[in-house]
Every structure is written in C-alpha cells, then in structure tokens.
C-alpha cells in the first residue's frame, strides 16, 4: 500500500490539528527513533537468521561428507611390484 501526496498532506493536517504545532517536531523525532530502532532489530535478526542457516548448511555438508566416506569401500593401499 502506497501513500500518495494527498493522503500524506491529509495526515499531516490532522496531526497538526490534534497535536498542535509545538508537538509535531517532537513526534517526528520519536517516530524517526522508533523506525530506526525497528530497522536495527530487523537487521540484527536477519544477521542472526543468516548465521543460523549458514551453520545448518555447514553441518549438513559435513554430515553428507561423513556419510559418503562411510559408504565408500576402502581401497587397498598395498602395492605389489611386478618383477
């Protein structure tokens, strides 16, 4: 949902009428801080999520490698020299 110019002006006029001109800058700062902290928490959650999924991928690859090594038959390492 996008907010157009007309809707934004209407919201600002309603806020001006309700809160008055002295409170609007304070409300703007509070809204900016709230949005900034929300973005900070979202970014930290995304980093944590990526780290967890990377750990799961790494452990999955290690498990696949171990399983493959266990199912691969051992090759004889003794060599017989021909005379």
Protein backbone atom coordinates (compact mmCIF):
# COMPACT_ATOMS: atom_id res chain seq x y z
CA UNK A 1 0.00 0.00 0.00
CA UNK A 2 1.47 3.30 -1.05
CA UNK A 3 0.64 6.65 0.49
CA UNK A 4 0.24 9.38 -2.08
CA UNK A 5 0.86 13.10 -1.71
CA UNK A 6 -2.77 13.91 -0.98
CA UNK A 7 -3.01 11.29 1.76
CA UNK A 8 0.27 12.44 3.32
CA UNK A 9 -0.90 16.08 3.40
CA UNK A 10 -4.19 14.99 4.97
CA UNK A 11 -2.37 13.01 7.65
CA UNK A 12 -0.09 15.97 8.43
CA UNK A 13 -3.05 18.39 8.67
CA UNK A 14 -4.92 16.04 11.01
CA UNK A 15 -1.79 15.60 13.14
CA UNK A 16 -1.33 19.40 13.24
CA UNK A 17 -4.91 19.91 14.39
CA UNK A 18 -4.76 17.14 17.01
CA UNK A 19 -1.28 17.73 18.48
CA UNK A 20 -0.57 21.37 17.66
CA UNK A 21 2.49 22.92 16.05
CA UNK A 22 4.68 22.69 19.18
CA UNK A 23 4.37 18.89 19.48
CA UNK A 24 4.88 17.95 15.82
CA UNK A 25 8.72 18.18 15.82
CA UNK A 26 8.86 16.06 18.97
CA UNK A 27 6.51 13.49 17.45
CA UNK A 28 8.61 13.44 14.28
CA UNK A 29 11.78 12.75 16.28
CA UNK A 30 10.04 9.98 18.23
CA UNK A 31 8.74 8.41 15.02
CA UNK A 32 12.22 8.58 13.47
CA UNK A 33 13.80 6.94 16.51
CA UNK A 34 11.13 4.23 16.51
CA UNK A 35 11.68 3.48 12.84
CA UNK A 36 15.47 3.48 13.33
CA UNK A 37 15.35 1.06 16.24
CA UNK A 38 12.90 -1.16 14.33
CA UNK A 39 15.32 -1.30 11.39
CA UNK A 40 18.19 -2.07 13.79
CA UNK A 41 16.31 -5.00 15.32
CA UNK A 42 15.27 -6.31 11.90
CA UNK A 43 18.87 -6.15 10.66
CA UNK A 44 20.21 -7.92 13.73
CA UNK A 45 17.52 -10.61 13.40
CA UNK A 46 18.39 -11.09 9.71
CA UNK A 47 22.10 -11.45 10.57
CA UNK A 48 21.28 -13.99 13.27
CA UNK A 49 18.97 -15.87 10.89
CA UNK A 50 21.66 -15.95 8.17
CA UNK A 51 24.28 -17.17 10.65
CA UNK A 52 21.96 -19.95 11.83
CA UNK A 53 21.13 -21.08 8.31
CA UNK A 54 24.82 -20.99 7.35
CA UNK A 55 25.62 -23.17 10.38
CA UNK A 56 22.89 -25.61 9.38
CA UNK A 57 24.18 -25.77 5.81
CA UNK A 58 27.74 -26.34 7.03
CA UNK A 59 26.71 -29.13 9.41
CA UNK A 60 24.58 -30.71 6.67
CA UNK A 61 27.54 -30.73 4.27
CA UNK A 62 29.77 -32.26 6.96
CA UNK A 63 27.18 -34.96 7.68
CA UNK A 64 26.87 -35.75 3.96
CA UNK A 65 30.67 -36.00 3.66
CA UNK A 66 30.94 -38.32 6.66
CA UNK A 67 28.09 -40.48 5.36
CA UNK A 68 29.71 -40.68 1.94
CA UNK A 69 33.08 -41.66 3.46
CA UNK A 70 31.39 -44.39 5.48
CA UNK A 71 29.65 -45.89 2.45
CA UNK A 72 32.66 -45.72 0.12
CA UNK A 73 34.54 -49.04 0.12
CA UNK A 74 38.13 -48.94 1.27
CA UNK A 75 40.71 -49.24 -1.47
CA UNK A 76 43.69 -51.49 -0.85
CA UNK A 77 46.83 -49.45 -0.37
CA UNK A 78 49.32 -52.33 -0.60
CA UNK A 79 51.02 -52.36 -3.96
CA UNK A 80 52.58 -55.45 -5.45
CA UNK A 81 55.60 -54.75 -7.60
CA UNK A 82 55.98 -56.76 -10.76
CA UNK A 83 59.40 -58.28 -11.33
